[in-house]
N, C-alpha and C. Protein backbone atom coordinates (compact mmCIF):
# COMPACT_ATOMS: atom_id res chain seq x y z
N UNK A 1 -0.79 -14.28 2.37
CA UNK A 1 -1.69 -13.48 1.43
C UNK A 1 -0.53 -12.96 0.15
N UNK A 2 -0.88 -13.34 -0.84
CA UNK A 2 -0.06 -12.95 -2.22
C UNK A 2 -0.62 -11.83 -2.53
N UNK A 3 0.35 -10.75 -2.48
CA UNK A 3 0.52 -9.44 -3.28
C UNK A 3 0.99 -9.29 -4.39
N UNK A 4 0.50 -8.67 -5.75
CA UNK A 4 1.22 -8.62 -6.40
C UNK A 4 0.91 -7.48 -7.51
N UNK A 5 1.72 -6.74 -8.50
CA UNK A 5 1.20 -5.53 -9.13
C UNK A 5 0.68 -6.09 -10.55
N UNK A 6 1.00 -7.63 -10.96
CA UNK A 6 0.53 -8.17 -12.01
C UNK A 6 -0.87 -8.71 -11.95
N UNK A 7 -1.60 -8.89 -12.79
CA UNK A 7 -3.06 -9.08 -13.10
C UNK A 7 -3.36 -10.69 -12.91
N UNK A 8 -2.40 -11.79 -12.59
CA UNK A 8 -2.44 -13.17 -12.48
C UNK A 8 -1.25 -13.32 -11.56
N UNK A 9 -1.14 -14.67 -11.19
CA UNK A 9 -0.16 -15.01 -10.17
C UNK A 9 0.05 -16.53 -10.76
N UNK A 10 1.26 -16.68 -11.54
CA UNK A 10 1.89 -17.68 -11.85
C UNK A 10 1.83 -18.96 -10.93
N UNK A 11 1.27 -20.07 -11.50
CA UNK A 11 1.40 -21.16 -10.82
C UNK A 11 0.36 -21.16 -10.16
N UNK A 12 -0.82 -19.95 -10.06
CA UNK A 12 -2.22 -20.54 -9.24
C UNK A 12 -3.33 -19.80 -10.35
N UNK A 13 -4.45 -20.41 -9.94
CA UNK A 13 -5.73 -19.87 -10.99
C UNK A 13 -6.47 -19.04 -9.94
N UNK A 14 -7.09 -18.07 -10.49
CA UNK A 14 -7.91 -16.94 -9.66
C UNK A 14 -9.24 -17.91 -9.92
N UNK A 15 -9.88 -18.32 -8.73
CA UNK A 15 -11.17 -18.78 -8.80
C UNK A 15 -12.23 -17.62 -8.64
N UNK A 16 -12.14 -16.74 -7.89
CA UNK A 16 -13.37 -15.56 -7.76
C UNK A 16 -12.67 -14.02 -7.24
N UNK A 17 -12.96 -13.32 -8.27
CA UNK A 17 -12.82 -11.89 -8.08
C UNK A 17 -13.69 -10.80 -7.16
N UNK A 18 -13.30 -10.96 -6.13
CA UNK A 18 -14.02 -10.29 -5.01
C UNK A 18 -14.57 -9.00 -4.40
N UNK A 19 -13.53 -8.29 -5.38
CA UNK A 19 -13.60 -6.51 -5.49
C UNK A 19 -12.56 -5.85 -5.48
N UNK A 20 -12.78 -4.44 -5.37
CA UNK A 20 -11.40 -3.68 -5.19
C UNK A 20 -11.54 -3.27 -3.75
N UNK A 21 -10.10 -3.40 -3.11
CA UNK A 21 -9.32 -3.12 -2.26
C UNK A 21 -8.61 -1.98 -1.71
N UNK A 22 -8.46 -1.05 -0.94
CA UNK A 22 -7.93 0.08 -0.92
C UNK A 22 -7.14 0.10 0.42
N UNK A 23 -6.08 0.86 0.53
CA UNK A 23 -5.27 0.81 1.73
C UNK A 23 -5.12 2.30 1.98
N UNK A 24 -5.15 2.87 2.62
CA UNK A 24 -4.78 4.58 2.78
C UNK A 24 -3.77 4.79 4.25
N UNK A 25 -3.06 5.33 4.04
CA UNK A 25 -2.21 5.60 5.16
C UNK A 25 -2.92 7.08 5.84
N UNK A 26 -2.73 7.27 7.26
CA UNK A 26 -2.94 8.25 7.68
C UNK A 26 -1.88 9.44 7.26
N UNK A 27 -2.39 10.84 7.30
CA UNK A 27 -1.38 11.85 7.11
C UNK A 27 -0.37 11.78 8.53
N UNK A 28 0.78 11.85 8.22
CA UNK A 28 1.91 11.82 8.66
C UNK A 28 2.73 12.97 8.69
N UNK A 29 2.85 13.70 10.16
CA UNK A 29 3.31 15.31 9.75
C UNK A 29 4.51 15.05 10.22
N UNK A 30 5.31 15.73 9.66
CA UNK A 30 6.66 16.01 9.94
C UNK A 30 7.46 17.11 9.68
N UNK A 31 8.50 17.53 10.00
CA UNK A 31 8.83 19.13 9.78
C UNK A 31 10.54 18.98 9.36
N UNK A 32 10.68 19.24 8.01
CA UNK A 32 12.19 19.11 7.58
C UNK A 32 12.44 20.52 7.03
N UNK A 33 13.75 20.78 8.19
CA UNK A 33 13.83 22.82 7.44
C UNK A 33 15.21 22.24 6.25
N UNK A 34 15.64 21.63 6.34
CA UNK A 34 16.68 21.95 5.26
C UNK A 34 17.24 20.18 4.94
N UNK A 35 17.53 19.91 3.82
CA UNK A 35 17.93 18.65 3.64
C UNK A 35 19.70 18.43 4.15
N UNK A 36 19.55 17.31 4.77
CA UNK A 36 20.71 16.81 5.50
C UNK A 36 20.64 15.32 5.62
N UNK A 37 21.67 14.65 5.81
CA UNK A 37 21.76 13.33 5.79
C UNK A 37 20.47 12.66 6.68
N UNK A 38 20.51 12.98 7.86
CA UNK A 38 19.69 12.85 9.00
C UNK A 38 18.01 13.09 8.44
N UNK A 39 18.17 14.20 7.84
CA UNK A 39 17.13 14.67 7.37
C UNK A 39 16.42 13.80 6.26
N UNK A 40 16.94 13.31 5.47
CA UNK A 40 16.78 12.31 4.30
C UNK A 40 16.37 11.29 4.95
N UNK A 41 17.12 10.53 5.98
CA UNK A 41 17.12 9.23 6.67
C UNK A 41 15.60 9.15 7.35
N UNK A 42 15.15 10.51 7.98
CA UNK A 42 14.26 10.55 8.47
C UNK A 42 12.64 10.58 7.46
N UNK A 43 13.29 11.49 6.66
CA UNK A 43 11.80 11.41 5.30
C UNK A 43 11.86 10.22 4.71
N UNK A 44 13.08 9.04 4.47
CA UNK A 44 12.61 7.94 3.97
C UNK A 44 12.01 6.99 4.93
N UNK A 45 12.07 7.09 6.15
CA UNK A 45 11.55 6.08 7.35
C UNK A 45 9.97 6.80 7.09
N UNK A 46 9.79 8.17 7.51
CA UNK A 46 8.37 8.25 7.18
C UNK A 46 7.79 7.98 6.07
N UNK A 47 8.35 7.74 4.75
CA UNK A 47 7.48 7.39 4.13
C UNK A 47 7.11 5.95 3.94
N UNK A 48 8.52 5.17 4.21
CA UNK A 48 8.38 3.64 4.81
C UNK A 48 7.27 3.04 5.40
N UNK A 49 7.01 4.31 6.80
CA UNK A 49 5.82 4.03 7.42
C UNK A 49 4.67 3.99 7.08
N UNK A 50 4.16 5.08 6.34
CA UNK A 50 3.24 5.40 5.48
C UNK A 50 2.75 4.03 4.55
N UNK A 51 3.71 3.70 3.80
CA UNK A 51 3.74 2.73 2.65
C UNK A 51 3.44 1.38 3.71
N UNK A 52 3.96 1.42 4.67
CA UNK A 52 3.66 -0.38 5.55
C UNK A 52 2.08 0.21 5.84
N UNK A 53 1.71 0.67 6.71
CA UNK A 53 0.43 1.55 7.16
C UNK A 53 -0.49 1.00 6.06
N UNK A 54 -0.30 1.55 4.76
CA UNK A 54 -1.27 1.36 3.69
C UNK A 54 -1.50 0.11 3.19
N UNK A 55 -0.44 -0.50 3.19
CA UNK A 55 -0.55 -1.85 2.70
C UNK A 55 -0.88 -2.81 3.58
N UNK A 56 -0.86 -2.81 5.19
CA UNK A 56 -1.25 -3.33 6.12
C UNK A 56 -3.18 -3.03 6.25
N UNK A 57 -3.26 -2.00 5.70
CA UNK A 57 -5.04 -1.74 5.67
C UNK A 57 -5.57 -2.58 4.60
N UNK A 58 -4.69 -2.48 3.39
CA UNK A 58 -5.13 -3.29 1.99
C UNK A 58 -5.50 -4.67 2.38
N UNK A 59 -4.46 -5.19 2.84
CA UNK A 59 -4.38 -6.75 3.26
C UNK A 59 -6.04 -6.70 4.41
N UNK A 60 -5.72 -6.04 5.44
CA UNK A 60 -6.89 -6.34 6.40
C UNK A 60 -8.17 -6.23 5.55
N UNK A 61 -8.09 -5.03 4.41
CA UNK A 61 -9.76 -5.26 3.67
C UNK A 61 -9.78 -6.40 3.01
N UNK A 62 -9.05 -6.99 2.16
CA UNK A 62 -9.00 -7.87 1.49
C UNK A 62 -9.34 -9.35 2.10
N UNK A 63 -8.96 -9.31 3.52
CA UNK A 63 -9.20 -10.59 4.33
C UNK A 63 -10.59 -10.31 4.83
N UNK A 64 -10.91 -9.07 4.68
CA UNK A 64 -12.61 -9.08 4.95
C UNK A 64 -13.73 -9.48 4.40
N UNK A 65 -12.94 -9.81 2.86
CA UNK A 65 -13.68 -10.46 1.84
C UNK A 65 -13.38 -11.85 1.76
N UNK A 66 -12.23 -12.25 2.68
CA UNK A 66 -12.18 -13.83 2.40
C UNK A 66 -11.12 -13.87 1.35
N UNK A 67 -10.45 -12.81 0.72
CA UNK A 67 -9.46 -13.11 -0.14
C UNK A 67 -7.97 -13.89 0.38
N UNK A 68 -7.36 -14.64 -0.42
CA UNK A 68 -5.98 -14.85 -0.01
C UNK A 68 -4.68 -14.46 -0.85
N UNK A 69 -5.17 -13.18 -1.71
CA UNK A 69 -4.45 -12.83 -2.44
C UNK A 69 -5.00 -11.37 -3.16
N UNK A 70 -4.08 -10.60 -3.72
CA UNK A 70 -4.68 -9.15 -4.11
C UNK A 70 -3.49 -8.92 -5.57
N UNK A 71 -4.41 -8.61 -6.53
CA UNK A 71 -3.28 -8.81 -7.74
C UNK A 71 -3.95 -7.30 -8.46
N UNK A 72 -2.87 -6.54 -9.59
CA UNK A 72 -3.30 -5.48 -10.21
C UNK A 72 -2.57 -3.96 -9.02
N UNK A 73 -2.13 -4.16 -8.10
CA UNK A 73 -1.71 -3.64 -6.94
C UNK A 73 -1.18 -2.18 -7.44
N UNK A 74 -1.66 -1.13 -7.28
CA UNK A 74 -1.10 0.14 -7.63
C UNK A 74 -0.90 0.76 -6.39
N UNK A 75 0.28 1.70 -6.44
CA UNK A 75 0.70 2.72 -5.23
C UNK A 75 0.58 4.12 -5.90
N UNK A 76 0.15 4.94 -5.06
CA UNK A 76 0.07 6.38 -5.23
C UNK A 76 0.54 7.34 -3.82
N UNK A 77 1.47 8.14 -4.01
CA UNK A 77 1.85 8.64 -3.10
C UNK A 77 2.19 10.17 -3.22
N UNK A 78 1.82 10.87 -2.11
CA UNK A 78 1.51 12.35 -2.32
C UNK A 78 2.18 12.96 -1.36
N UNK A 79 2.63 14.26 -1.39
CA UNK A 79 3.53 15.09 -0.47
C UNK A 79 2.60 16.48 -0.29
N UNK A 80 2.74 16.82 0.63
CA UNK A 80 1.88 18.37 0.65
C UNK A 80 2.81 19.25 1.40
N UNK A 81 3.36 20.21 0.61
CA UNK A 81 4.35 21.07 1.52
C UNK A 81 5.61 20.42 2.24
N UNK A 82 5.84 19.17 1.74
CA UNK A 82 6.80 18.46 2.59
C UNK A 82 6.65 18.27 3.90
N UNK A 83 5.42 18.30 4.26
CA UNK A 83 4.46 18.13 5.48
C UNK A 83 4.07 16.79 5.84
N UNK A 84 3.31 16.72 4.84
CA UNK A 84 2.57 15.70 5.06
C UNK A 84 2.58 14.22 3.86
N UNK A 85 2.79 13.43 4.07
CA UNK A 85 3.20 12.09 3.63
C UNK A 85 1.70 11.14 3.68
N UNK A 86 0.90 10.70 2.37
CA UNK A 86 -0.19 10.34 1.93
C UNK A 86 0.15 9.14 0.92
N UNK A 87 -0.15 8.14 1.48
CA UNK A 87 0.13 6.70 0.63
C UNK A 87 -1.26 6.05 0.34
N UNK A 88 -1.71 5.72 -0.75
CA UNK A 88 -2.67 4.91 -0.89
C UNK A 88 -2.40 3.53 -2.35
N UNK A 89 -2.93 2.71 -1.68
CA UNK A 89 -2.60 1.60 -2.43
C UNK A 89 -3.96 0.89 -2.47
N UNK A 90 -3.90 0.45 -4.20
CA UNK A 90 -5.39 -0.06 -4.33
C UNK A 90 -4.77 -1.41 -5.24
N UNK A 91 -6.25 -2.52 -5.14
CA UNK A 91 -5.77 -3.73 -6.09
C UNK A 91 -7.16 -4.60 -5.98
N UNK A 92 -7.02 -5.59 -6.52
CA UNK A 92 -8.15 -6.35 -6.70
C UNK A 92 -8.00 -7.63 -5.80
N UNK A 93 -8.95 -7.65 -4.66
CA UNK A 93 -9.13 -9.07 -3.80
C UNK A 93 -9.34 -10.03 -4.75
N UNK A 94 -8.64 -11.18 -4.70
CA UNK A 94 -8.78 -12.56 -5.33
C UNK A 94 -8.92 -13.71 -4.28
N UNK A 95 -9.54 -14.74 -4.79
CA UNK A 95 -9.48 -16.10 -4.27
C UNK A 95 -8.69 -17.05 -5.03
N UNK A 96 -7.44 -17.32 -4.88
CA UNK A 96 -6.89 -18.33 -5.97
C UNK A 96 -6.50 -19.56 -4.98
N UNK A 97 -6.33 -20.60 -5.98
CA UNK A 97 -6.28 -21.91 -5.82
C UNK A 97 -4.78 -22.20 -5.68
């Protein structure tokens, strides 16, 4: 599965546009009372986990459409009171040659 933020893939021809797909992470709770190196590493790991979960769901949704690539990917990340991390990725599922 090819993933890209661009609207085309060099060396590949888009044969069919299959639809918009999304991937959203679950709300991930965590608690950080103050900024220490350990807490900053935990925050980074939590964000990465949410991002990977969202990208996996994005790919799963594209596979359901028989896509072999996703173009125009955008990522949105939000936090709520420093306790919830929410990641959403959106792109266009395509069939490329």
